[in-house]
Amino acid sequence: MNKFTKWWLAAVLILGLTAKICAAEPLTCWFPPDWKSKPEQAAAIAGALSKGSGSEVRPRIAKSYPEILGAFATNQPNLVYVGSFVQAMIKARGLGTPLVQNIDGKEFYSGVMVYPKDQDPESILKNSPEQIAYAVATDSGESAAKAATGGKAAMGVGNHGAASAAVEAGKAKAAFVKNWWWQSNKDKFPKLAVYEVPGVSVVGNPDNILAASNGVPVGLREKITAAAIAGKEAFGAPEMRPFDPAKLDFSLELMKKGGIDPLTYSF
């Protein structure tokens, strides 16, 4: 074997090893802050994606939503499993691509208005819009409340429970909450009734979507998609189905109606 051949083989081996190292760069799969109560499922999802794609996927529960958006703004390979509010912002900012959605019969949701049973919901919307509560950074809460009031709703709280409790305690005139959440929790708030606001309380916000950042190559996105579909049990899903980005349009329209700019929104 001459010197040139030895040099050529060494170069091929080095370049091949470099390519493998680059391809082996681990992906971070982000989960929203409220997943701190279910780290085992986050680990199971990452495990299923790792096994099915052949790439290392590491689970990470975010401390805040800006942490997720910040990661997606880099050129690093990131995934996120989250609902429409953050997914709509990722789409609007051009930070990534949605891949698959958990299809469990509640894959779309709406924001409904809860108010005291002895009050008129239309009068509240007209006369006291700024005294309507909502869960911050949610389409069923903040987006719906602001869309229904022309951006005037101003009582942001931590979650739907706090928003409903504020109404029952008389601290807020009404609140917007997730329709599925209300169905499960309405017995806790016997003094409240529910109102579906025309054009706002539409079951059109997609939930539980797995998306990839721009730092994930197309080929790897395809492998992650296939791994998620095959690993539906880890997601607790009857089915995982490829997701059409156009299904986020309603959420973006709701934001626009409420004066929320997904490009500049600050959590």
Protein backbone atom coordinates (compact mmCIF):
# COMPACT_ATOMS: atom_id res chain seq x y z
CA MET A 1 0.00 0.00 0.00
CA ASN A 2 1.59 3.30 -1.12
CA LYS A 3 1.70 6.50 0.93
CA PHE A 4 -1.10 8.16 -1.05
CA THR A 5 -3.45 5.24 -0.46
CA LYS A 6 -2.67 5.25 3.26
CA TRP A 7 -3.30 9.00 3.42
CA TRP A 8 -6.60 8.65 1.53
CA LEU A 9 -7.83 5.86 3.81
CA ALA A 10 -6.87 7.85 6.90
CA ALA A 11 -8.76 10.88 5.59
CA VAL A 12 -11.86 8.80 4.85
CA LEU A 13 -11.79 7.28 8.32
CA ILE A 14 -11.35 10.66 10.00
CA LEU A 15 -14.11 12.28 7.95
CA GLY A 16 -16.40 9.31 8.56
CA LEU A 17 -15.79 9.45 12.30
CA THR A 18 -16.46 13.20 12.30
CA ALA A 19 -19.74 12.67 10.47
CA LYS A 20 -20.80 10.04 12.99
CA ILE A 21 -19.96 12.31 15.90
CA CYS A 22 -22.00 15.15 14.37
CA ALA A 23 -24.91 12.82 13.67
CA ALA A 24 -24.75 11.55 17.22
CA GLU A 25 -25.30 15.01 18.75
CA PRO A 26 -28.05 14.50 21.34
CA LEU A 27 -31.41 16.20 21.07
CA THR A 28 -33.10 17.91 24.00
CA CYS A 29 -36.83 17.22 24.27
CA TRP A 30 -38.47 20.03 26.23
CA PHE A 31 -41.60 19.77 28.31
CA PRO A 32 -43.59 22.69 29.82
CA PRO A 33 -43.04 23.81 33.42
CA ASP A 34 -46.17 22.07 34.73
CA TRP A 35 -44.60 18.72 33.76
CA LYS A 36 -42.46 18.92 36.89
CA SER A 37 -45.12 16.66 38.41
CA LYS A 38 -44.59 13.93 35.83
CA PRO A 39 -40.88 13.48 35.16
CA GLU A 40 -41.34 9.73 34.66
CA GLN A 41 -43.53 10.28 31.59
CA ALA A 42 -41.09 12.85 30.19
CA ALA A 43 -38.32 10.25 30.53
CA ALA A 44 -40.51 7.57 28.91
CA ILE A 45 -41.24 9.80 25.92
CA ALA A 46 -37.57 10.65 25.46
CA GLY A 47 -36.73 6.95 25.73
CA ALA A 48 -39.27 6.00 23.06
CA LEU A 49 -37.98 8.70 20.72
CA SER A 50 -34.39 7.62 21.30
CA LYS A 51 -35.15 3.96 20.67
CA GLY A 52 -37.23 4.59 17.57
CA SER A 53 -34.99 7.20 15.92
CA GLY A 54 -31.57 5.81 16.77
CA SER A 55 -30.54 9.20 18.21
CA GLU A 56 -30.07 10.15 21.83
CA VAL A 57 -33.00 12.24 23.09
CA ARG A 58 -32.68 13.80 26.54
CA PRO A 59 -35.78 14.97 28.43
CA ARG A 60 -35.79 18.40 30.04
CA ILE A 61 -38.64 20.09 31.91
CA ALA A 62 -38.44 23.84 31.34
CA LYS A 63 -38.39 26.34 34.17
CA SER A 64 -40.29 28.76 31.94
CA TYR A 65 -41.68 29.06 28.42
CA PRO A 66 -39.05 31.63 27.39
CA GLU A 67 -36.44 28.94 28.10
CA ILE A 68 -38.06 26.76 25.43
CA LEU A 69 -38.31 29.58 22.88
CA GLY A 70 -34.72 30.56 23.63
CA ALA A 71 -33.52 27.03 22.91
CA PHE A 72 -35.50 26.90 19.68
CA ALA A 73 -33.92 30.17 18.56
CA THR A 74 -30.47 28.51 18.49
CA ASN A 75 -29.06 26.19 15.85
CA GLN A 76 -29.03 23.28 18.31
CA PRO A 77 -31.34 20.26 17.80
CA ASN A 78 -34.36 20.62 20.09
CA LEU A 79 -37.81 19.08 20.40
CA VAL A 80 -40.78 20.27 22.44
CA TYR A 81 -44.03 18.62 23.48
CA VAL A 82 -46.47 21.40 24.29
CA GLY A 83 -49.81 23.00 23.38
CA SER A 84 -50.93 25.61 20.89
CA PHE A 85 -49.89 28.87 22.62
CA VAL A 86 -46.17 28.11 22.42
CA GLN A 87 -46.51 26.15 19.18
CA ALA A 88 -48.21 29.13 17.53
CA MET A 89 -45.32 31.35 18.59
CA ILE A 90 -42.78 28.87 17.24
CA LYS A 91 -44.63 28.92 13.93
CA ALA A 92 -44.97 32.72 13.82
CA ARG A 93 -41.28 33.20 14.64
CA GLY A 94 -40.15 30.55 12.16
CA LEU A 95 -38.28 28.59 14.82
CA GLY A 96 -39.35 25.05 13.99
CA THR A 97 -41.78 22.55 12.54
CA PRO A 98 -44.60 20.64 14.27
CA LEU A 99 -44.32 16.89 13.69
CA VAL A 100 -47.06 14.86 15.40
CA GLN A 101 -50.03 15.27 17.73
CA ASN A 102 -51.53 13.14 20.48
CA ILE A 103 -54.96 12.06 19.24
CA ASP A 104 -57.00 11.35 22.37
CA GLY A 105 -60.42 12.82 21.58
CA LYS A 106 -59.43 16.12 23.22
CA GLU A 107 -56.75 17.13 20.76
CA PHE A 108 -58.52 20.46 20.16
CA TYR A 109 -59.86 22.78 22.85
CA SER A 110 -61.53 26.13 23.38
CA GLY A 111 -61.68 28.93 25.92
CA VAL A 112 -65.05 29.31 27.63
CA MET A 113 -66.23 32.08 29.93
CA VAL A 114 -67.26 31.28 33.50
CA TYR A 115 -69.26 33.84 35.44
CA PRO A 116 -71.60 34.12 38.49
CA LYS A 117 -74.90 32.37 37.82
CA ASP A 118 -76.91 35.45 38.79
CA GLN A 119 -75.09 37.69 36.28
CA ASP A 120 -75.44 38.29 32.54
CA PRO A 121 -72.28 37.25 30.63
CA GLU A 122 -72.84 39.70 27.76
CA SER A 123 -73.18 42.58 30.21
CA ILE A 124 -69.92 41.58 31.88
CA LEU A 125 -68.13 41.51 28.53
CA LYS A 126 -69.52 44.92 27.64
CA ASN A 127 -69.24 46.74 30.97
CA SER A 128 -66.37 45.09 32.88
CA PRO A 129 -63.93 43.62 30.32
CA GLU A 130 -60.85 44.66 32.29
CA GLN A 131 -62.07 42.65 35.30
CA ILE A 132 -61.97 39.31 33.51
CA ALA A 133 -59.41 36.79 34.74
CA TYR A 134 -57.41 34.30 32.68
CA ALA A 135 -54.46 31.92 32.91
CA VAL A 136 -51.43 33.66 31.44
CA ALA A 137 -49.80 32.20 28.30
CA THR A 138 -52.73 29.95 27.35
CA ASP A 139 -55.00 30.12 24.32
CA SER A 140 -58.00 29.02 26.37
CA GLY A 141 -57.25 31.69 28.97
CA GLU A 142 -55.29 34.74 27.84
CA SER A 143 -55.92 34.55 24.09
CA ALA A 144 -59.64 33.86 24.50
CA ALA A 145 -60.14 36.52 27.18
CA LYS A 146 -58.36 39.20 25.18
CA ALA A 147 -60.06 38.19 21.93
CA ALA A 148 -63.48 38.44 23.59
CA THR A 149 -62.73 41.87 25.08
CA GLY A 150 -60.71 43.53 22.35
CA GLY A 151 -57.55 43.17 24.41
CA LYS A 152 -59.03 44.76 27.56
CA ALA A 153 -59.01 41.72 29.88
CA ALA A 154 -56.30 42.44 32.43
CA MET A 155 -56.40 39.96 35.32
CA GLY A 156 -53.71 37.45 34.46
CA VAL A 157 -53.24 34.58 36.95
CA GLY A 158 -51.27 31.35 37.13
CA ASN A 159 -53.85 28.77 36.09
CA HIS A 160 -57.52 28.06 35.38
CA GLY A 161 -58.22 27.15 39.00
CA ALA A 162 -56.98 30.51 40.23
CA ALA A 163 -59.00 32.32 37.55
CA SER A 164 -62.23 30.52 38.52
CA ALA A 165 -61.58 31.01 42.23
CA ALA A 166 -61.17 34.75 41.65
CA VAL A 167 -64.64 34.89 40.12
CA GLU A 168 -66.26 32.87 42.89
CA ALA A 169 -64.58 35.09 45.50
CA GLY A 170 -65.82 38.24 43.79
CA LYS A 171 -62.32 39.43 42.87
CA ALA A 172 -63.05 39.07 39.15
CA LYS A 173 -66.28 39.52 37.20
CA ALA A 174 -65.63 36.46 35.00
CA ALA A 175 -62.84 34.22 33.74
CA PHE A 176 -61.85 32.30 30.64
CA VAL A 177 -60.81 28.68 31.11
CA LYS A 178 -60.17 25.58 29.02
CA ASN A 179 -63.37 23.78 28.08
CA TRP A 180 -62.01 20.31 28.99
CA TRP A 181 -60.68 21.65 32.30
CA TRP A 182 -64.08 23.11 33.13
CA GLN A 183 -65.86 19.82 32.40
CA SER A 184 -63.61 18.09 34.92
CA ASN A 185 -63.67 20.83 37.58
CA LYS A 186 -67.05 22.56 37.38
CA ASP A 187 -68.38 20.80 40.49
CA LYS A 188 -65.74 22.67 42.51
CA PHE A 189 -67.34 25.98 41.55
CA PRO A 190 -71.12 25.58 42.12
CA LYS A 191 -71.76 29.34 41.98
CA LEU A 192 -70.48 29.65 38.42
CA ALA A 193 -72.08 29.09 35.03
CA VAL A 194 -70.42 28.75 31.62
CA TYR A 195 -70.89 30.82 28.46
CA GLU A 196 -69.51 30.09 25.01
CA VAL A 197 -68.57 33.37 23.36
CA PRO A 198 -69.43 33.41 19.64
CA GLY A 199 -66.32 33.39 17.45
CA VAL A 200 -64.05 32.85 20.43
CA SER A 201 -65.16 29.68 22.22
CA VAL A 202 -64.36 27.55 19.19
CA VAL A 203 -62.83 24.11 19.73
CA GLY A 204 -59.97 24.95 17.40
CA ASN A 205 -56.78 25.20 19.48
CA PRO A 206 -54.60 22.09 18.97
CA ASP A 207 -53.03 20.50 22.05
CA ASN A 208 -50.16 18.11 22.81
CA ILE A 209 -47.97 18.62 19.74
CA LEU A 210 -44.39 17.42 19.30
CA ALA A 211 -42.31 19.90 17.30
CA ALA A 212 -38.69 20.04 16.13
CA SER A 213 -36.47 23.12 15.98
CA ASN A 214 -34.75 24.21 12.79
CA GLY A 215 -31.58 22.64 14.19
CA VAL A 216 -33.03 19.16 13.60
CA PRO A 217 -32.24 17.92 10.05
CA VAL A 218 -35.16 16.89 7.86
CA GLY A 219 -34.10 13.24 7.81
CA LEU A 220 -33.95 13.12 11.59
CA ARG A 221 -37.34 14.83 11.85
CA GLU A 222 -38.78 11.98 9.80
CA LYS A 223 -37.22 9.42 12.13
CA ILE A 224 -38.52 11.26 15.20
CA THR A 225 -42.00 11.38 13.66
CA ALA A 226 -41.95 7.64 13.00
CA ALA A 227 -40.62 6.98 16.51
CA ALA A 228 -43.41 9.04 18.10
CA ILE A 229 -46.08 7.24 16.09
CA ALA A 230 -44.62 3.86 17.05
CA GLY A 231 -44.13 4.91 20.67
CA LYS A 232 -47.65 6.22 21.29
CA GLU A 233 -47.88 4.36 24.63
CA ALA A 234 -45.14 6.57 26.09
CA PHE A 235 -47.26 9.62 25.27
CA GLY A 236 -50.32 7.99 26.79
CA ALA A 237 -51.95 8.34 23.40
CA PRO A 238 -54.45 6.10 21.62
CA GLU A 239 -52.80 7.41 18.45
CA MET A 240 -50.03 9.79 17.40
CA ARG A 241 -50.75 11.40 14.04
CA PRO A 242 -48.67 13.67 11.74
CA PHE A 243 -49.63 17.29 12.36
CA ASP A 244 -50.53 19.89 9.74
CA PRO A 245 -49.05 23.31 10.71
CA ALA A 246 -52.12 25.03 9.21
CA LYS A 247 -54.10 23.77 12.22
CA LEU A 248 -52.35 26.46 14.29
CA ASP A 249 -53.98 29.23 12.22
CA PHE A 250 -57.02 29.54 14.51
CA SER A 251 -54.78 30.07 17.55
CA LEU A 252 -52.85 32.76 15.69
CA GLU A 253 -56.10 34.44 14.60
CA LEU A 254 -57.31 34.41 18.21
CA MET A 255 -54.09 36.11 19.29
CA LYS A 256 -54.48 38.73 16.58
CA LYS A 257 -58.07 39.44 17.60
CA GLY A 258 -56.92 40.00 21.19
CA GLY A 259 -53.96 42.20 20.31
CA ILE A 260 -51.33 39.59 21.20
CA ASP A 261 -48.28 39.75 18.93
CA PRO A 262 -46.62 36.30 18.84
CA LEU A 263 -43.40 37.88 17.59
CA THR A 264 -42.96 40.20 20.59
CA TYR A 265 -45.04 38.57 23.33
CA SER A 266 -43.26 38.56 26.69
CA PHE A 267 -44.14 35.87 29.22
